[in-house]
N, C-alpha and C. Protein backbone atom coordinates (compact mmCIF):
# COMPACT_ATOMS: atom_id res chain seq x y z
N MET A 1 0.86 -1.24 -0.03
CA MET A 1 -0.03 0.10 0.10
C MET A 1 0.88 1.12 0.07
N VAL A 2 2.00 1.34 1.01
CA VAL A 2 2.70 2.41 0.92
C VAL A 2 3.43 2.76 -0.35
N GLN A 3 4.02 1.56 -1.02
CA GLN A 3 4.72 1.60 -2.25
C GLN A 3 3.74 2.32 -3.28
N LEU A 4 2.52 1.70 -3.39
CA LEU A 4 1.55 2.32 -4.35
C LEU A 4 1.22 3.82 -4.15
N LEU A 5 0.99 4.11 -2.77
CA LEU A 5 0.81 5.57 -2.50
C LEU A 5 2.07 6.44 -2.92
N GLY A 6 3.34 5.73 -2.74
CA GLY A 6 4.48 6.55 -3.18
C GLY A 6 4.66 6.72 -4.65
N ALA A 7 3.97 5.97 -5.41
CA ALA A 7 3.93 6.11 -6.78
C ALA A 7 3.10 7.30 -7.36
N ILE A 8 2.29 7.73 -6.51
CA ILE A 8 1.19 8.64 -6.92
C ILE A 8 1.58 10.01 -6.33
N PRO A 9 2.00 10.94 -7.00
CA PRO A 9 2.48 12.10 -6.52
C PRO A 9 1.55 12.82 -5.56
N ALA A 10 0.16 12.87 -5.92
CA ALA A 10 -0.85 13.48 -5.16
C ALA A 10 -1.11 12.86 -3.86
N ALA A 11 -0.67 11.53 -3.64
CA ALA A 11 -0.96 10.81 -2.57
C ALA A 11 0.16 10.89 -1.63
N ARG A 12 1.11 11.55 -1.79
CA ARG A 12 2.34 11.72 -0.94
C ARG A 12 2.13 11.90 0.51
N GLN A 13 1.09 12.97 0.76
CA GLN A 13 0.80 13.28 2.32
C GLN A 13 0.30 12.02 3.00
N VAL A 14 -0.64 11.30 2.18
CA VAL A 14 -1.26 10.01 2.80
C VAL A 14 -0.16 9.09 2.95
N LYS A 15 0.68 8.95 2.22
CA LYS A 15 1.88 7.89 2.24
C LYS A 15 2.68 8.24 3.64
N ASP A 16 2.99 9.67 3.61
CA ASP A 16 3.76 10.19 4.79
C ASP A 16 3.19 9.93 6.06
N SER A 17 1.91 9.99 6.19
CA SER A 17 1.08 9.62 7.32
C SER A 17 1.39 8.16 7.90
N PHE A 18 1.67 7.30 7.08
CA PHE A 18 1.92 5.93 7.45
C PHE A 18 3.61 5.66 8.14
N ASP A 19 4.37 6.79 7.71
CA ASP A 19 5.70 6.59 8.26
C ASP A 19 5.67 7.08 9.60
N PRO A 20 6.49 6.17 10.44
CA PRO A 20 6.56 6.33 11.78
C PRO A 20 7.48 7.64 12.10
N PRO A 21 7.25 8.38 13.06
CA PRO A 21 7.96 9.71 13.55
C PRO A 21 9.28 9.16 13.82
N ALA A 22 10.20 10.10 13.62
CA ALA A 22 11.73 9.83 14.10
C ALA A 22 11.97 9.62 15.57
N GLY A 23 12.56 8.66 15.92
CA GLY A 23 12.83 8.38 17.19
C GLY A 23 11.98 7.24 17.91
N LEU A 24 10.79 6.98 17.25
CA LEU A 24 10.06 5.96 17.90
C LEU A 24 10.22 4.68 17.18
N LYS A 25 10.16 3.61 17.99
CA LYS A 25 10.46 2.09 17.65
C LYS A 25 9.04 1.40 17.75
N THR A 26 9.13 0.31 17.13
CA THR A 26 7.85 -0.63 17.18
C THR A 26 7.47 -0.88 18.56
N GLY A 27 8.43 -1.15 19.40
CA GLY A 27 8.19 -1.42 20.80
C GLY A 27 7.48 -0.34 21.54
N ASP A 28 7.67 0.92 21.20
CA ASP A 28 6.99 1.97 21.68
C ASP A 28 5.59 2.09 21.31
N TYR A 29 5.14 1.62 20.02
CA TYR A 29 3.71 1.52 19.62
C TYR A 29 3.12 0.30 20.25
N VAL A 30 3.76 -0.83 20.52
CA VAL A 30 3.34 -1.95 21.10
C VAL A 30 2.78 -1.56 22.59
N LYS A 31 3.85 -1.13 23.33
CA LYS A 31 3.48 -0.74 24.66
C LYS A 31 2.42 0.30 24.77
N GLY A 32 2.27 1.30 23.74
CA GLY A 32 1.04 2.18 23.81
C GLY A 32 -0.09 1.60 23.43
N LEU A 33 -0.10 0.77 22.51
CA LEU A 33 -1.34 0.11 22.00
C LEU A 33 -1.72 -0.77 23.19
N ASP A 34 -0.84 -1.68 23.82
CA ASP A 34 -1.34 -2.48 24.91
C ASP A 34 -1.93 -1.77 26.14
N LYS A 35 -1.29 -0.44 26.40
CA LYS A 35 -2.00 0.31 27.38
C LYS A 35 -3.44 0.89 26.75
N PHE A 36 -3.40 1.35 25.70
CA PHE A 36 -4.62 2.01 25.22
C PHE A 36 -5.74 0.79 25.10
N CYS A 37 -5.22 -0.29 24.54
CA CYS A 37 -6.45 -1.33 24.40
C CYS A 37 -6.68 -2.05 25.64
N GLY A 38 -5.89 -1.87 26.86
CA GLY A 38 -6.03 -2.44 28.21
C GLY A 38 -7.34 -1.87 28.77
N ASP A 39 -7.77 -0.60 28.16
CA ASP A 39 -9.06 -0.11 28.63
C ASP A 39 -10.11 -0.76 27.86
N THR A 40 -11.08 -1.31 28.58
CA THR A 40 -12.13 -1.95 27.81
C THR A 40 -12.99 -1.10 27.04
N TYR A 41 -12.95 0.21 27.24
CA TYR A 41 -13.81 1.16 26.53
C TYR A 41 -13.32 1.41 25.31
N ASN A 42 -11.93 1.06 25.18
CA ASN A 42 -11.31 1.38 23.80
C ASN A 42 -11.23 0.17 22.88
N THR A 43 -11.73 -0.96 23.19
CA THR A 43 -11.61 -2.25 22.42
C THR A 43 -12.39 -2.33 21.14
N LYS A 44 -13.36 -1.44 20.83
CA LYS A 44 -14.01 -1.36 19.67
C LYS A 44 -13.54 -0.26 18.70
N ILE A 45 -12.57 0.43 19.25
CA ILE A 45 -12.02 1.48 18.28
C ILE A 45 -11.21 0.88 17.25
N ALA A 46 -11.36 1.26 16.08
CA ALA A 46 -10.82 0.65 14.88
C ALA A 46 -9.21 0.79 15.05
N LEU A 47 -8.45 -0.25 14.61
CA LEU A 47 -7.01 -0.32 14.70
C LEU A 47 -6.31 0.91 14.37
N ALA A 48 -6.89 1.38 12.92
CA ALA A 48 -6.24 2.53 12.41
C ALA A 48 -6.36 3.81 13.29
N ASN A 49 -7.46 4.00 13.94
CA ASN A 49 -7.64 4.99 14.89
C ASN A 49 -6.89 4.94 16.02
N ALA A 50 -6.80 3.67 16.41
CA ALA A 50 -6.03 3.58 17.76
C ALA A 50 -4.59 3.68 17.55
N LEU A 51 -4.11 3.26 16.37
CA LEU A 51 -2.77 3.70 16.05
C LEU A 51 -2.46 5.13 15.79
N GLY A 52 -3.34 5.75 15.23
CA GLY A 52 -3.23 7.17 15.13
C GLY A 52 -3.32 7.99 16.43
N PHE A 53 -4.08 7.50 17.30
CA PHE A 53 -4.20 8.31 18.58
C PHE A 53 -2.82 7.90 19.42
N VAL A 54 -2.58 6.69 19.31
CA VAL A 54 -1.35 6.39 20.15
C VAL A 54 -0.09 6.96 19.54
N SER A 55 0.10 7.03 18.29
CA SER A 55 1.18 7.74 17.57
C SER A 55 1.18 9.30 17.96
N ALA A 56 0.03 9.90 17.77
CA ALA A 56 -0.05 11.28 18.13
C ALA A 56 0.30 11.44 19.64
N THR A 57 -0.12 10.52 20.57
CA THR A 57 0.14 10.86 21.87
C THR A 57 1.64 10.66 22.21
N LEU A 58 2.27 9.57 21.64
CA LEU A 58 3.64 9.23 21.64
C LEU A 58 4.57 10.43 21.14
N THR A 59 4.24 11.24 20.21
CA THR A 59 4.84 12.22 19.71
C THR A 59 4.65 13.63 20.32
N GLY A 60 3.54 13.58 21.24
CA GLY A 60 3.18 14.73 21.90
C GLY A 60 2.23 15.57 21.11
N ALA A 61 1.91 15.18 19.83
CA ALA A 61 1.01 16.14 19.05
C ALA A 61 -0.48 16.17 19.70
N VAL A 62 -0.84 15.18 20.46
CA VAL A 62 -2.19 15.42 21.20
C VAL A 62 -2.01 14.54 22.46
N SER A 63 -2.68 15.30 23.36
CA SER A 63 -2.73 14.65 24.86
C SER A 63 -4.04 13.84 24.94
N PRO A 64 -3.88 12.63 25.80
CA PRO A 64 -4.89 11.84 25.84
C PRO A 64 -6.34 12.56 26.41
N ASP A 65 -6.86 12.97 25.35
CA ASP A 65 -8.03 14.02 25.77
C ASP A 65 -9.29 13.15 25.86
N GLU A 66 -10.07 13.36 26.80
CA GLU A 66 -11.28 12.47 26.86
C GLU A 66 -12.44 12.86 25.77
N LYS A 67 -12.19 14.05 25.10
CA LYS A 67 -13.35 14.40 23.97
C LYS A 67 -12.79 13.54 22.76
N ILE A 68 -11.46 13.44 22.56
CA ILE A 68 -10.96 12.78 21.50
C ILE A 68 -11.35 11.22 21.57
N LEU A 69 -11.22 10.80 22.86
CA LEU A 69 -11.34 9.45 23.09
C LEU A 69 -12.95 9.06 22.98
N ALA A 70 -13.69 9.92 23.48
CA ALA A 70 -15.15 9.77 23.38
C ALA A 70 -15.65 9.62 21.91
N HIS A 71 -15.04 10.48 20.94
CA HIS A 71 -15.25 10.47 19.54
C HIS A 71 -15.00 9.11 19.02
N LEU A 72 -13.70 8.70 19.26
CA LEU A 72 -13.10 7.39 18.72
C LEU A 72 -14.05 6.33 19.36
N ARG A 73 -14.47 6.23 20.48
CA ARG A 73 -15.27 5.22 21.06
C ARG A 73 -16.63 5.30 20.41
N CYS A 74 -17.23 6.31 20.02
CA CYS A 74 -18.39 6.47 19.46
C CYS A 74 -18.32 5.79 18.11
N LEU A 75 -17.36 6.14 17.41
CA LEU A 75 -17.16 5.61 15.90
C LEU A 75 -16.84 4.20 16.00
N GLY A 76 -16.21 3.67 16.95
CA GLY A 76 -16.08 2.31 17.14
C GLY A 76 -17.52 1.51 17.56
N ALA A 77 -18.19 2.02 18.31
CA ALA A 77 -19.44 1.51 18.68
C ALA A 77 -20.39 1.55 17.44
N ALA A 78 -20.35 2.62 16.55
CA ALA A 78 -21.08 2.67 15.42
C ALA A 78 -20.91 1.62 14.23
N GLY A 79 -19.68 1.23 14.44
CA GLY A 79 -19.22 0.16 13.38
C GLY A 79 -19.59 0.73 12.07
N ALA A 80 -20.19 -0.04 11.09
CA ALA A 80 -20.59 0.21 9.69
C ALA A 80 -21.82 1.00 9.53
N ASP A 81 -22.54 1.30 10.65
CA ASP A 81 -23.99 1.99 10.52
C ASP A 81 -23.67 3.42 10.24
N SER A 82 -23.95 3.85 9.04
CA SER A 82 -23.66 5.20 8.44
C SER A 82 -24.46 6.25 9.43
N ASP A 83 -25.66 5.80 9.72
CA ASP A 83 -26.47 6.93 10.60
C ASP A 83 -25.76 7.11 11.91
N ARG A 84 -25.32 5.95 12.55
CA ARG A 84 -24.72 6.22 13.82
C ARG A 84 -23.24 6.96 13.74
N VAL A 85 -22.53 6.57 12.63
CA VAL A 85 -21.32 7.30 12.38
C VAL A 85 -21.69 8.81 12.13
N SER A 86 -22.59 9.14 11.49
CA SER A 86 -22.90 10.43 11.27
C SER A 86 -23.29 11.21 12.50
N ASP A 87 -23.90 10.51 13.31
CA ASP A 87 -24.31 11.02 14.78
C ASP A 87 -23.01 11.39 15.45
N CYS A 88 -21.98 10.43 15.40
CA CYS A 88 -20.65 10.63 16.09
C CYS A 88 -20.01 11.89 15.70
N TYR A 89 -20.14 12.30 14.46
CA TYR A 89 -19.53 13.58 13.98
C TYR A 89 -20.30 14.84 14.33
N LYS A 90 -21.71 14.51 14.44
CA LYS A 90 -22.66 15.72 15.06
C LYS A 90 -22.11 16.10 16.33
N ARG A 91 -21.88 15.14 17.24
CA ARG A 91 -21.60 15.37 18.59
C ARG A 91 -20.38 16.25 18.89
N GLN A 92 -19.30 16.17 17.95
CA GLN A 92 -18.13 16.69 18.01
C GLN A 92 -18.09 18.15 18.44
């Protein structure tokens, strides 16, 4: 996927978002995800969202804010139900 995105000039920003920040190791993500998913309220959050949140937290880009977590939990609970997903965005 990353190679494909790298071949499309307009998709460079998306590709770059998959690159880990400098100084972080896989073990940092594993520990962060273990802690994040250790909270049963977070278990339905999509892996991509969990990785994004953990990555942003590890780099200091975002603090573990309850408002952000509430939104991610809402999306996780909504699943593929588009009406419920829309409701999650309305609550923001």
